[in-house]
Amino acid sequence: ALENAMIVSRPAFLDLCQHVVIRCRTQRRLFSVSRFAAANSSNIRERHQRSYKSQQKGMMRSGAAISEMNEFGLLAENMVWPSRSSLPSIFTYPRLRFRLATKRVWNFMFDVVGATYYKFSLRKRPWPRLSLFSLPSTAAALHTRMYTALAAGDTRTLHTLCCDSLLRSFTARIATRPTNEKLRWRLHRYVRGGKPKLVAHKAATFPSEGLGGSAKLGVRQAVLRIRSVQSLERWREVKGRNGEVREVREEEEGSADGDGEGREITEYLVLQQKFWKGEQGDWMVWGMVEEASVEDILGERVRLPEGKAAG
């Protein structure tokens, strides 16, 4: 097993996810718009251990608690497969590539089975809609609203868009800003295809025992790749000699030459949707992940003939 994997033995919702593996490497919430979107440097493993321990103390003893809950961790095997340039050569390592291809096929089959079971098992007709084709536009809207609200320090809007852990991180960062500083985030354009692309989708359902009688809990998570050109302006309010307050532009992050054209960034946005008591909730932003390595996919350390680890 991976050294950086954590098995959650008895999570909050009554043994329902006891086999879920949370891969700490892929669960880092990276927001890559320069320092505005810097990675959270806290220890992910310790944070999730504290989270699950606190939930085990009784938070999930009633169905009402689940109604308020929007943080379920990252579903098992919900990962971004490496790009072609990150994979070992098929001519040099054909067996390794065959293992990866087999793993991907099986993963796709389980995704289809999970999504099908999610759709038809949670309630009788009308069945919940998966609406996979509308996910790119949903992701684009949430991505823009989230960064705009984060730049403006709008915690009320962030509360409606983000899951709990992400919301706490954003709120803490907003609280540390100087009171006279203003940020303005700008999305210049999408690149390479023009819109977000769905790269992973997981659906999980959990038994109704202990969840309030016949109530059923379902969770969906979708990962979308967003390639865009972004920039961030920093302004500071300065008082003049006559007492007038004016805004002075300090810097623009994401623009290499200060030309205002922004910087091209690739992000993997994770969206989450909850189904509870016959109602399908809205999509929310869970966070960001990175491309998985070969080790993440195979669940073991892989040694190449040259002695270098794959991935």
C-alpha atoms as a PDB file:
ATOM      1  CA  ALA A   1       0.000   0.000   0.000  1.00  0.00           C
ATOM      2  CA  LEU A   2       1.070   3.563  -0.544  1.00  0.00           C
ATOM      3  CA  GLU A   3       2.768   5.216   2.376  1.00  0.00           C
ATOM      4  CA  ASN A   4       0.768   8.376   1.737  1.00  0.00           C
ATOM      5  CA  ALA A   5      -2.637   6.648   1.738  1.00  0.00           C
ATOM      6  CA  MET A   6      -4.946   6.697   4.714  1.00  0.00           C
ATOM      7  CA  ILE A   7      -7.645   4.106   5.337  1.00  0.00           C
ATOM      8  CA  VAL A   8     -10.622   5.619   7.102  1.00  0.00           C
ATOM      9  CA  SER A   9     -11.812   2.719   9.243  1.00  0.00           C
ATOM     10  CA  ARG A  10     -14.976   4.192  10.840  1.00  0.00           C
ATOM     11  CA  PRO A  11     -15.932   7.521   9.341  1.00  0.00           C
ATOM     12  CA  ALA A  12     -18.731   9.719  10.572  1.00  0.00           C
ATOM     13  CA  PHE A  13     -21.643   8.284   8.685  1.00  0.00           C
ATOM     14  CA  LEU A  14     -21.875   4.953  10.471  1.00  0.00           C
ATOM     15  CA  ASP A  15     -19.434   2.635   8.752  1.00  0.00           C
ATOM     16  CA  LEU A  16     -20.836   3.525   5.318  1.00  0.00           C
ATOM     17  CA  CYS A  17     -17.478   4.401   3.809  1.00  0.00           C
ATOM     18  CA  GLN A  18     -15.158   2.164   5.787  1.00  0.00           C
ATOM     19  CA  HIS A  19     -13.287   1.109   2.651  1.00  0.00           C
ATOM     20  CA  VAL A  20     -12.808   4.568   1.217  1.00  0.00           C
ATOM     21  CA  VAL A  21      -9.165   5.349   0.585  1.00  0.00           C
ATOM     22  CA  ILE A  22      -8.210   8.997   0.810  1.00  0.00           C
ATOM     23  CA  ARG A  23      -5.074   9.614  -1.176  1.00  0.00           C
ATOM     24  CA  CYS A  24      -3.357  12.530   0.418  1.00  0.00           C
ATOM     25  CA  ARG A  25      -1.265  13.261  -2.642  1.00  0.00           C
ATOM     26  CA  THR A  26      -4.231  13.823  -4.923  1.00  0.00           C
ATOM     27  CA  GLN A  27      -6.303  15.553  -2.291  1.00  0.00           C
ATOM     28  CA  ARG A  28      -4.212  18.685  -1.996  1.00  0.00           C
ATOM     29  CA  ARG A  29      -6.427  21.664  -2.769  1.00  0.00           C
ATOM     30  CA  LEU A  30      -4.345  23.642  -5.167  1.00  0.00           C
ATOM     31  CA  PHE A  31      -5.572  26.965  -6.441  1.00  0.00           C
ATOM     32  CA  SER A  32      -2.902  28.035  -8.846  1.00  0.00           C
ATOM     33  CA  VAL A  33      -3.514  31.720  -9.509  1.00  0.00           C
ATOM     34  CA  SER A  34      -0.144  32.863  -8.194  1.00  0.00           C
ATOM     35  CA  ARG A  35      -0.124  33.704  -4.469  1.00  0.00           C
ATOM     36  CA  PHE A  36      -3.861  34.437  -4.662  1.00  0.00           C
ATOM     37  CA  ALA A  37      -4.380  30.728  -5.288  1.00  0.00           C
ATOM     38  CA  ALA A  38      -1.461  29.299  -3.342  1.00  0.00           C
ATOM     39  CA  ALA A  39      -1.555  25.711  -2.113  1.00  0.00           C
ATOM     40  CA  ASN A  40      -2.789  25.026   1.373  1.00  0.00           C
ATOM     41  CA  SER A  41       0.314  24.004   3.310  1.00  0.00           C
ATOM     42  CA  SER A  42      -1.479  22.345   6.244  1.00  0.00           C
ATOM     43  CA  ASN A  43      -1.020  18.638   6.859  1.00  0.00           C
ATOM     44  CA  ILE A  44      -3.844  16.949   4.925  1.00  0.00           C
ATOM     45  CA  ARG A  45      -3.572  13.658   6.768  1.00  0.00           C
ATOM     46  CA  GLU A  46      -3.865  15.254  10.224  1.00  0.00           C
ATOM     47  CA  ARG A  47      -6.681  17.521   9.090  1.00  0.00           C
ATOM     48  CA  HIS A  48      -8.810  14.611   7.884  1.00  0.00           C
ATOM     49  CA  GLN A  49      -8.047  12.547  10.967  1.00  0.00           C
ATOM     50  CA  ARG A  50      -9.264  15.400  13.166  1.00  0.00           C
ATOM     51  CA  SER A  51     -12.300  15.864  10.939  1.00  0.00           C
ATOM     52  CA  TYR A  52     -13.393  12.232  11.073  1.00  0.00           C
ATOM     53  CA  LYS A  53     -12.686  11.929  14.810  1.00  0.00           C
ATOM     54  CA  SER A  54     -14.850  14.939  15.551  1.00  0.00           C
ATOM     55  CA  GLN A  55     -17.656  13.582  13.380  1.00  0.00           C
ATOM     56  CA  GLN A  56     -17.451  10.196  15.134  1.00  0.00           C
ATOM     57  CA  LYS A  57     -18.401  11.847  18.421  1.00  0.00           C
ATOM     58  CA  GLY A  58     -22.037  11.902  17.405  1.00  0.00           C
ATOM     59  CA  MET A  59     -22.462  14.392  14.589  1.00  0.00           C
ATOM     60  CA  MET A  60     -23.970  11.753  12.335  1.00  0.00           C
ATOM     61  CA  ARG A  61     -26.306  10.088  14.818  1.00  0.00           C
ATOM     62  CA  SER A  62     -29.353  11.653  13.175  1.00  0.00           C
ATOM     63  CA  GLY A  63     -30.499  12.240   9.620  1.00  0.00           C
ATOM     64  CA  ALA A  64     -30.754  15.959  10.341  1.00  0.00           C
ATOM     65  CA  ALA A  65     -26.978  16.155  10.668  1.00  0.00           C
ATOM     66  CA  ILE A  66     -26.533  14.656   7.210  1.00  0.00           C
ATOM     67  CA  SER A  67     -28.843  17.321   5.797  1.00  0.00           C
ATOM     68  CA  GLU A  68     -26.368  19.954   6.981  1.00  0.00           C
ATOM     69  CA  MET A  69     -23.257  18.037   5.909  1.00  0.00           C
ATOM     70  CA  ASN A  70     -21.529  18.769   2.601  1.00  0.00           C
ATOM     71  CA  GLU A  71     -18.038  17.392   3.248  1.00  0.00           C
ATOM     72  CA  PHE A  72     -17.482  13.718   2.435  1.00  0.00           C
ATOM     73  CA  GLY A  73     -13.819  13.668   1.466  1.00  0.00           C
ATOM     74  CA  LEU A  74     -12.622  12.599  -1.952  1.00  0.00           C
ATOM     75  CA  LEU A  75     -14.337   9.448  -3.189  1.00  0.00           C
ATOM     76  CA  ALA A  76     -12.075   6.449  -3.682  1.00  0.00           C
ATOM     77  CA  GLU A  77     -10.311   6.202  -7.048  1.00  0.00           C
ATOM     78  CA  ASN A  78     -11.571   9.630  -8.071  1.00  0.00           C
ATOM     79  CA  MET A  79      -8.352  10.702  -9.744  1.00  0.00           C
ATOM     80  CA  VAL A  80      -7.098  12.521 -12.817  1.00  0.00           C
ATOM     81  CA  TRP A  81      -5.252  10.156 -15.089  1.00  0.00           C
ATOM     82  CA  PRO A  82      -1.780  11.322 -16.145  1.00  0.00           C
ATOM     83  CA  SER A  83      -1.414  13.075 -19.455  1.00  0.00           C
ATOM     84  CA  ARG A  84       0.337  11.228 -22.246  1.00  0.00           C
ATOM     85  CA  SER A  85       3.547  13.175 -21.706  1.00  0.00           C
ATOM     86  CA  SER A  86       3.642  12.060 -18.050  1.00  0.00           C
ATOM     87  CA  LEU A  87       3.342   8.345 -18.807  1.00  0.00           C
ATOM     88  CA  PRO A  88       6.339   6.017 -19.326  1.00  0.00           C
ATOM     89  CA  SER A  89       7.077   5.145 -22.939  1.00  0.00           C
ATOM     90  CA  ILE A  90       4.951   2.327 -24.326  1.00  0.00           C
ATOM     91  CA  PHE A  91       7.931   1.057 -26.317  1.00  0.00           C
ATOM     92  CA  THR A  92      10.303   0.994 -23.342  1.00  0.00           C
ATOM     93  CA  TYR A  93       7.819  -0.171 -20.693  1.00  0.00           C
ATOM     94  CA  PRO A  94       5.047  -2.052 -22.538  1.00  0.00           C
ATOM     95  CA  ARG A  95       4.051  -4.171 -19.510  1.00  0.00           C
ATOM     96  CA  LEU A  96       3.655  -1.148 -17.294  1.00  0.00           C
ATOM     97  CA  ARG A  97       1.582   0.641 -19.895  1.00  0.00           C
ATOM     98  CA  PHE A  98      -0.576  -2.486 -20.292  1.00  0.00           C
ATOM     99  CA  ARG A  99      -1.209  -2.527 -16.521  1.00  0.00           C
ATOM    100  CA  LEU A 100      -2.170   1.118 -16.601  1.00  0.00           C
ATOM    101  CA  ALA A 101      -4.489   0.609 -19.557  1.00  0.00           C
ATOM    102  CA  THR A 102      -6.145  -2.380 -17.843  1.00  0.00           C
ATOM    103  CA  LYS A 103      -6.592  -0.375 -14.674  1.00  0.00           C
ATOM    104  CA  ARG A 104      -8.189   2.438 -16.634  1.00  0.00           C
ATOM    105  CA  VAL A 105     -10.645   0.116 -18.363  1.00  0.00           C
ATOM    106  CA  TRP A 106     -11.687  -1.444 -15.061  1.00  0.00           C
ATOM    107  CA  ASN A 107     -11.977   1.979 -13.484  1.00  0.00           C
ATOM    108  CA  PHE A 108     -14.240   3.133 -16.324  1.00  0.00           C
ATOM    109  CA  MET A 109     -16.437   0.047 -15.963  1.00  0.00           C
ATOM    110  CA  PHE A 110     -16.833   0.616 -12.229  1.00  0.00           C
ATOM    111  CA  ASP A 111     -17.676   4.262 -12.917  1.00  0.00           C
ATOM    112  CA  VAL A 112     -20.460   3.215 -15.294  1.00  0.00           C
ATOM    113  CA  VAL A 113     -21.832   0.658 -12.827  1.00  0.00           C
ATOM    114  CA  GLY A 114     -21.665   3.161  -9.962  1.00  0.00           C
ATOM    115  CA  ALA A 115     -23.420   5.881 -11.939  1.00  0.00           C
ATOM    116  CA  THR A 116     -26.117   3.454 -13.095  1.00  0.00           C
ATOM    117  CA  TYR A 117     -26.757   2.188  -9.578  1.00  0.00           C
ATOM    118  CA  TYR A 118     -26.838   5.765  -8.301  1.00  0.00           C
ATOM    119  CA  LYS A 119     -29.428   6.756 -10.880  1.00  0.00           C
ATOM    120  CA  PHE A 120     -31.843   3.867 -10.424  1.00  0.00           C
ATOM    121  CA  SER A 121     -31.470   2.874  -6.756  1.00  0.00           C
ATOM    122  CA  LEU A 122     -31.919   6.104  -4.818  1.00  0.00           C
ATOM    123  CA  ARG A 123     -35.611   6.612  -5.537  1.00  0.00           C
ATOM    124  CA  LYS A 124     -38.437   5.576  -7.791  1.00  0.00           C
ATOM    125  CA  ARG A 125     -39.357   7.631 -10.802  1.00  0.00           C
ATOM    126  CA  PRO A 126     -38.567  10.331 -11.596  1.00  0.00           C
ATOM    127  CA  TRP A 127     -34.985   9.101 -11.396  1.00  0.00           C
ATOM    128  CA  PRO A 128     -32.287  11.661 -10.613  1.00  0.00           C
ATOM    129  CA  ARG A 129     -30.620  13.111 -13.677  1.00  0.00           C
ATOM    130  CA  LEU A 130     -26.897  12.713 -14.196  1.00  0.00           C
ATOM    131  CA  SER A 131     -26.708  15.571 -16.734  1.00  0.00           C
ATOM    132  CA  LEU A 132     -23.062  14.901 -17.570  1.00  0.00           C
ATOM    133  CA  PHE A 133     -23.166  17.033 -20.713  1.00  0.00           C
ATOM    134  CA  SER A 134     -24.114  20.132 -18.725  1.00  0.00           C
ATOM    135  CA  LEU A 135     -21.235  19.753 -16.265  1.00  0.00           C
ATOM    136  CA  PRO A 136     -18.713  21.824 -18.294  1.00  0.00           C
ATOM    137  CA  SER A 137     -20.965  24.888 -18.269  1.00  0.00           C
ATOM    138  CA  THR A 138     -21.759  24.335 -14.579  1.00  0.00           C
ATOM    139  CA  ALA A 139     -18.072  24.098 -13.758  1.00  0.00           C
ATOM    140  CA  ALA A 140     -17.276  27.247 -15.728  1.00  0.00           C
ATOM    141  CA  ALA A 141     -19.942  29.224 -13.863  1.00  0.00           C
ATOM    142  CA  LEU A 142     -18.895  27.971 -10.419  1.00  0.00           C
ATOM    143  CA  HIS A 143     -15.202  28.507 -11.195  1.00  0.00           C
ATOM    144  CA  THR A 144     -15.801  32.128 -12.183  1.00  0.00           C
ATOM    145  CA  ARG A 145     -18.139  32.912  -9.301  1.00  0.00           C
ATOM    146  CA  MET A 146     -15.808  31.296  -6.769  1.00  0.00           C
ATOM    147  CA  TYR A 147     -12.694  33.229  -7.777  1.00  0.00           C
ATOM    148  CA  THR A 148     -14.627  36.477  -8.161  1.00  0.00           C
ATOM    149  CA  ALA A 149     -16.081  36.102  -4.672  1.00  0.00           C
ATOM    150  CA  LEU A 150     -12.702  35.129  -3.211  1.00  0.00           C
ATOM    151  CA  ALA A 151     -11.064  38.221  -4.680  1.00  0.00           C
ATOM    152  CA  ALA A 152     -13.875  40.444  -3.408  1.00  0.00           C
ATOM    153  CA  GLY A 153     -13.843  38.838   0.041  1.00  0.00           C
ATOM    154  CA  ASP A 154     -17.501  37.875  -0.372  1.00  0.00           C
ATOM    155  CA  THR A 155     -17.837  35.111   2.230  1.00  0.00           C
ATOM    156  CA  ARG A 156     -21.628  34.994   1.875  1.00  0.00           C
ATOM    157  CA  THR A 157     -21.352  33.934  -1.765  1.00  0.00           C
ATOM    158  CA  LEU A 158     -18.527  31.511  -0.990  1.00  0.00           C
ATOM    159  CA  HIS A 159     -20.756  29.868   1.615  1.00  0.00           C
ATOM    160  CA  THR A 160     -23.250  28.952  -1.113  1.00  0.00           C
ATOM    161  CA  LEU A 161     -20.568  27.689  -3.511  1.00  0.00           C
ATOM    162  CA  CYS A 162     -17.919  25.835  -1.483  1.00  0.00           C
ATOM    163  CA  CYS A 163     -17.819  22.748   0.713  1.00  0.00           C
ATOM    164  CA  ASP A 164     -16.918  23.236   4.356  1.00  0.00           C
ATOM    165  CA  SER A 165     -13.157  22.621   4.315  1.00  0.00           C
ATOM    166  CA  LEU A 166     -12.623  24.825   1.298  1.00  0.00           C
ATOM    167  CA  LEU A 167     -14.856  27.521   2.784  1.00  0.00           C
ATOM    168  CA  ARG A 168     -12.842  27.547   6.004  1.00  0.00           C
ATOM    169  CA  SER A 169      -9.603  27.891   4.058  1.00  0.00           C
ATOM    170  CA  PHE A 170     -10.927  30.800   1.997  1.00  0.00           C
ATOM    171  CA  THR A 171     -12.436  32.528   5.019  1.00  0.00           C
ATOM    172  CA  ALA A 172      -9.145  32.345   6.892  1.00  0.00           C
ATOM    173  CA  ARG A 173      -7.255  33.824   3.944  1.00  0.00           C
ATOM    174  CA  ILE A 174      -9.744  36.658   3.571  1.00  0.00           C
ATOM    175  CA  ALA A 175      -9.467  37.455   7.283  1.00  0.00           C
ATOM    176  CA  THR A 176      -5.684  37.947   7.019  1.00  0.00           C
ATOM    177  CA  ARG A 177      -5.865  40.535   4.232  1.00  0.00           C
ATOM    178  CA  PRO A 178      -5.060  44.161   5.004  1.00  0.00           C
ATOM    179  CA  THR A 179      -8.256  46.165   5.341  1.00  0.00           C
ATOM    180  CA  ASN A 180      -7.160  48.668   2.700  1.00  0.00           C
ATOM    181  CA  GLU A 181      -6.276  46.046   0.092  1.00  0.00           C
ATOM    182  CA  LYS A 182      -8.585  45.104  -2.768  1.00  0.00           C
ATOM    183  CA  LEU A 183      -8.206  42.256  -5.238  1.00  0.00           C
ATOM    184  CA  ARG A 184      -9.733  42.000  -8.694  1.00  0.00           C
ATOM    185  CA  TRP A 185      -9.651  38.637 -10.405  1.00  0.00           C
ATOM    186  CA  ARG A 186     -10.180  38.430 -14.145  1.00  0.00           C
ATOM    187  CA  LEU A 187     -10.775  35.520 -16.472  1.00  0.00           C
ATOM    188  CA  HIS A 188      -9.443  36.517 -19.887  1.00  0.00           C
ATOM    189  CA  ARG A 189     -10.424  33.447 -21.869  1.00  0.00           C
ATOM    190  CA  TYR A 190     -10.513  29.656 -22.007  1.00  0.00           C
ATOM    191  CA  VAL A 191      -7.893  27.919 -24.114  1.00  0.00           C
ATOM    192  CA  ARG A 192      -7.475  24.570 -25.889  1.00  0.00           C
ATOM    193  CA  GLY A 193     -11.059  23.653 -26.561  1.00  0.00           C
ATOM    194  CA  GLY A 194     -12.732  26.734 -25.194  1.00  0.00           C
ATOM    195  CA  LYS A 195     -14.510  25.181 -22.208  1.00  0.00           C
ATOM    196  CA  PRO A 196     -13.919  22.872 -19.209  1.00  0.00           C
ATOM    197  CA  LYS A 197     -13.637  19.159 -19.934  1.00  0.00           C
ATOM    198  CA  LEU A 198     -14.989  16.336 -17.776  1.00  0.00           C
ATOM    199  CA  VAL A 199     -12.095  13.990 -16.935  1.00  0.00           C
ATOM    200  CA  ALA A 200     -13.501  11.957 -14.014  1.00  0.00           C
ATOM    201  CA  HIS A 201     -16.894  11.182 -12.505  1.00  0.00           C
ATOM    202  CA  LYS A 202     -17.709   9.091  -9.443  1.00  0.00           C
ATOM    203  CA  ALA A 203     -21.042   8.251  -7.869  1.00  0.00           C
ATOM    204  CA  ALA A 204     -21.515   6.447  -4.564  1.00  0.00           C
ATOM    205  CA  THR A 205     -24.616   5.318  -2.678  1.00  0.00           C
ATOM    206  CA  PHE A 206     -24.763   4.249   0.946  1.00  0.00           C
ATOM    207  CA  PRO A 207     -27.109   1.894   2.827  1.00  0.00           C
ATOM    208  CA  SER A 208     -30.102   3.408   4.561  1.00  0.00           C
ATOM    209  CA  GLU A 209     -29.435   1.663   7.894  1.00  0.00           C
ATOM    210  CA  GLY A 210     -28.873   4.260  10.562  1.00  0.00           C
ATOM    211  CA  LEU A 211     -29.663   7.144   8.227  1.00  0.00           C
ATOM    212  CA  GLY A 212     -33.195   7.842   9.299  1.00  0.00           C
ATOM    213  CA  GLY A 213     -35.284   4.873   8.205  1.00  0.00           C
ATOM    214  CA  SER A 214     -35.716   4.586   4.458  1.00  0.00           C
ATOM    215  CA  ALA A 215     -33.594   7.640   3.640  1.00  0.00           C
ATOM    216  CA  LYS A 216     -30.768   7.018   1.204  1.00  0.00           C
ATOM    217  CA  LEU A 217     -27.580   8.996   0.817  1.00  0.00           C
ATOM    218  CA  GLY A 218     -25.854   9.458  -2.521  1.00  0.00           C
ATOM    219  CA  VAL A 219     -22.767  11.474  -3.382  1.00  0.00           C
ATOM    220  CA  ARG A 220     -21.423  12.419  -6.801  1.00  0.00           C
ATOM    221  CA  GLN A 221     -18.081  14.007  -7.567  1.00  0.00           C
ATOM    222  CA  ALA A 222     -16.912  15.233 -10.961  1.00  0.00           C
ATOM    223  CA  VAL A 223     -13.437  16.442 -11.907  1.00  0.00           C
ATOM    224  CA  LEU A 224     -13.171  18.935 -14.756  1.00  0.00           C
ATOM    225  CA  ARG A 225     -10.033  20.216 -16.412  1.00  0.00           C
ATOM    226  CA  ILE A 226     -10.060  23.975 -16.889  1.00  0.00           C
ATOM    227  CA  ARG A 227      -7.412  25.597 -19.055  1.00  0.00           C
ATOM    228  CA  SER A 228      -7.712  29.345 -18.950  1.00  0.00           C
ATOM    229  CA  VAL A 229      -5.851  32.641 -18.976  1.00  0.00           C
ATOM    230  CA  GLN A 230      -6.268  34.506 -15.688  1.00  0.00           C
ATOM    231  CA  SER A 231      -4.862  37.529 -13.909  1.00  0.00           C
ATOM    232  CA  LEU A 232      -5.198  39.181 -10.524  1.00  0.00           C
ATOM    233  CA  GLU A 233      -4.908  42.897  -9.778  1.00  0.00           C
ATOM    234  CA  ARG A 234      -3.979  44.242  -6.366  1.00  0.00           C
ATOM    235  CA  TRP A 235      -5.166  47.698  -5.369  1.00  0.00           C
ATOM    236  CA  ARG A 236      -4.564  49.593  -2.166  1.00  0.00           C
ATOM    237  CA  GLU A 237      -6.555  52.483  -0.765  1.00  0.00           C
ATOM    238  CA  VAL A 238      -4.330  55.473   0.051  1.00  0.00           C
ATOM    239  CA  LYS A 239      -5.325  58.737   1.711  1.00  0.00           C
ATOM    240  CA  GLY A 240      -4.061  61.918   0.112  1.00  0.00           C
ATOM    241  CA  ARG A 241      -3.026  65.110   1.847  1.00  0.00           C
ATOM    242  CA  ASN A 242      -6.491  66.580   1.491  1.00  0.00           C
ATOM    243  CA  GLY A 243      -8.053  63.483   3.085  1.00  0.00           C
ATOM    244  CA  GLU A 244      -9.368  62.017  -0.145  1.00  0.00           C
ATOM    245  CA  VAL A 245      -9.094  58.264  -0.522  1.00  0.00           C
ATOM    246  CA  ARG A 246      -7.848  56.960  -3.834  1.00  0.00           C
ATOM    247  CA  GLU A 247      -6.998  53.503  -5.115  1.00  0.00           C
ATOM    248  CA  VAL A 248      -3.439  52.769  -6.198  1.00  0.00           C
ATOM    249  CA  ARG A 249      -2.699  49.721  -8.296  1.00  0.00           C
ATOM    250  CA  GLU A 250       0.202  47.826  -6.804  1.00  0.00           C
ATOM    251  CA  GLU A 251       0.726  44.804  -9.028  1.00  0.00           C
ATOM    252  CA  GLU A 252      -0.901  42.363 -11.389  1.00  0.00           C
ATOM    253  CA  GLU A 253      -0.234  38.712 -10.700  1.00  0.00           C
ATOM    254  CA  GLY A 254      -0.355  36.290 -13.555  1.00  0.00           C
ATOM    255  CA  SER A 255       1.064  38.732 -16.092  1.00  0.00           C
ATOM    256  CA  ALA A 256       4.668  38.043 -16.889  1.00  0.00           C
ATOM    257  CA  ASP A 257       5.413  41.374 -18.581  1.00  0.00           C
ATOM    258  CA  GLY A 258       2.762  43.525 -16.938  1.00  0.00           C
ATOM    259  CA  ASP A 259       0.891  43.702 -20.233  1.00  0.00           C
ATOM    260  CA  GLY A 260      -2.398  42.661 -18.651  1.00  0.00           C
ATOM    261  CA  GLU A 261      -2.755  39.578 -20.833  1.00  0.00           C
ATOM    262  CA  GLY A 262      -2.748  37.152 -17.900  1.00  0.00           C
ATOM    263  CA  ARG A 263      -1.180  33.731 -17.499  1.00  0.00           C
ATOM    264  CA  GLU A 264      -2.301  30.385 -18.848  1.00  0.00           C
ATOM    265  CA  ILE A 265      -3.216  27.985 -16.041  1.00  0.00           C
ATOM    266  CA  THR A 266      -4.459  24.386 -15.955  1.00  0.00           C
ATOM    267  CA  GLU A 267      -6.673  23.454 -13.019  1.00  0.00           C
ATOM    268  CA  TYR A 268      -8.609  20.328 -12.070  1.00  0.00           C
ATOM    269  CA  LEU A 269     -11.801  21.463 -10.372  1.00  0.00           C
ATOM    270  CA  VAL A 270     -13.715  18.964  -8.210  1.00  0.00           C
ATOM    271  CA  LEU A 271     -17.478  19.443  -7.962  1.00  0.00           C
ATOM    272  CA  GLN A 272     -19.686  17.601  -5.490  1.00  0.00           C
ATOM    273  CA  GLN A 273     -23.410  16.905  -5.411  1.00  0.00           C
ATOM    274  CA  LYS A 274     -25.412  15.257  -2.620  1.00  0.00           C
ATOM    275  CA  PHE A 275     -28.627  13.249  -2.880  1.00  0.00           C
ATOM    276  CA  TRP A 276     -30.543  12.967   0.385  1.00  0.00           C
ATOM    277  CA  LYS A 277     -34.158  12.149   1.263  1.00  0.00           C
ATOM    278  CA  GLY A 278     -35.271  12.061  -2.343  1.00  0.00           C
ATOM    279  CA  GLU A 279     -33.803  15.446  -3.240  1.00  0.00           C
ATOM    280  CA  GLN A 280     -30.754  16.117  -5.389  1.00  0.00           C
ATOM    281  CA  GLY A 281     -28.778  19.117  -4.206  1.00  0.00           C
ATOM    282  CA  ASP A 282     -26.870  21.711  -6.178  1.00  0.00           C
ATOM    283  CA  TRP A 283     -23.318  21.254  -7.354  1.00  0.00           C
ATOM    284  CA  MET A 284     -20.728  22.736  -5.008  1.00  0.00           C
ATOM    285  CA  VAL A 285     -16.976  23.227  -5.290  1.00  0.00           C
ATOM    286  CA  TRP A 286     -15.081  20.607  -3.287  1.00  0.00           C
ATOM    287  CA  GLY A 287     -11.616  21.854  -4.241  1.00  0.00           C
ATOM    288  CA  MET A 288      -8.790  21.078  -6.638  1.00  0.00           C
ATOM    289  CA  VAL A 289      -6.673  17.999  -7.342  1.00  0.00           C
ATOM    290  CA  GLU A 290      -3.575  17.259  -9.403  1.00  0.00           C
ATOM    291  CA  GLU A 291      -2.833  14.631 -11.987  1.00  0.00           C
ATOM    292  CA  ALA A 292      -2.293  11.234 -10.419  1.00  0.00           C
ATOM    293  CA  SER A 293       1.089   9.564 -10.702  1.00  0.00           C
ATOM    294  CA  VAL A 294       1.675   5.975 -11.814  1.00  0.00           C
ATOM    295  CA  GLU A 295       2.101   5.036  -8.167  1.00  0.00           C
ATOM    296  CA  ASP A 296      -1.246   6.588  -7.272  1.00  0.00           C
ATOM    297  CA  ILE A 297      -2.980   4.559  -9.968  1.00  0.00           C
ATOM    298  CA  LEU A 298      -1.381   1.181  -9.246  1.00  0.00           C
ATOM    299  CA  GLY A 299      -1.332   1.637  -5.474  1.00  0.00           C
ATOM    300  CA  GLU A 300       2.287   0.585  -5.192  1.00  0.00           C
ATOM    301  CA  ARG A 301       5.762   1.901  -5.725  1.00  0.00           C
ATOM    302  CA  VAL A 302       6.915   1.170  -9.262  1.00  0.00           C
ATOM    303  CA  ARG A 303      10.591   0.780 -10.067  1.00  0.00           C
ATOM    304  CA  LEU A 304      11.779   1.206 -13.612  1.00  0.00           C
ATOM    305  CA  PRO A 305      14.864  -0.681 -14.865  1.00  0.00           C
ATOM    306  CA  GLU A 306      16.967   2.463 -14.530  1.00  0.00           C
ATOM    307  CA  GLY A 307      16.076   2.591 -10.859  1.00  0.00           C
ATOM    308  CA  LYS A 308      13.760   5.610 -11.155  1.00  0.00           C
ATOM    309  CA  ALA A 309      10.223   5.567  -9.906  1.00  0.00           C
ATOM    310  CA  ALA A 310       7.526   5.896 -12.517  1.00  0.00           C
ATOM    311  CA  GLY A 311       5.302   8.886 -12.469  1.00  0.00           C
END
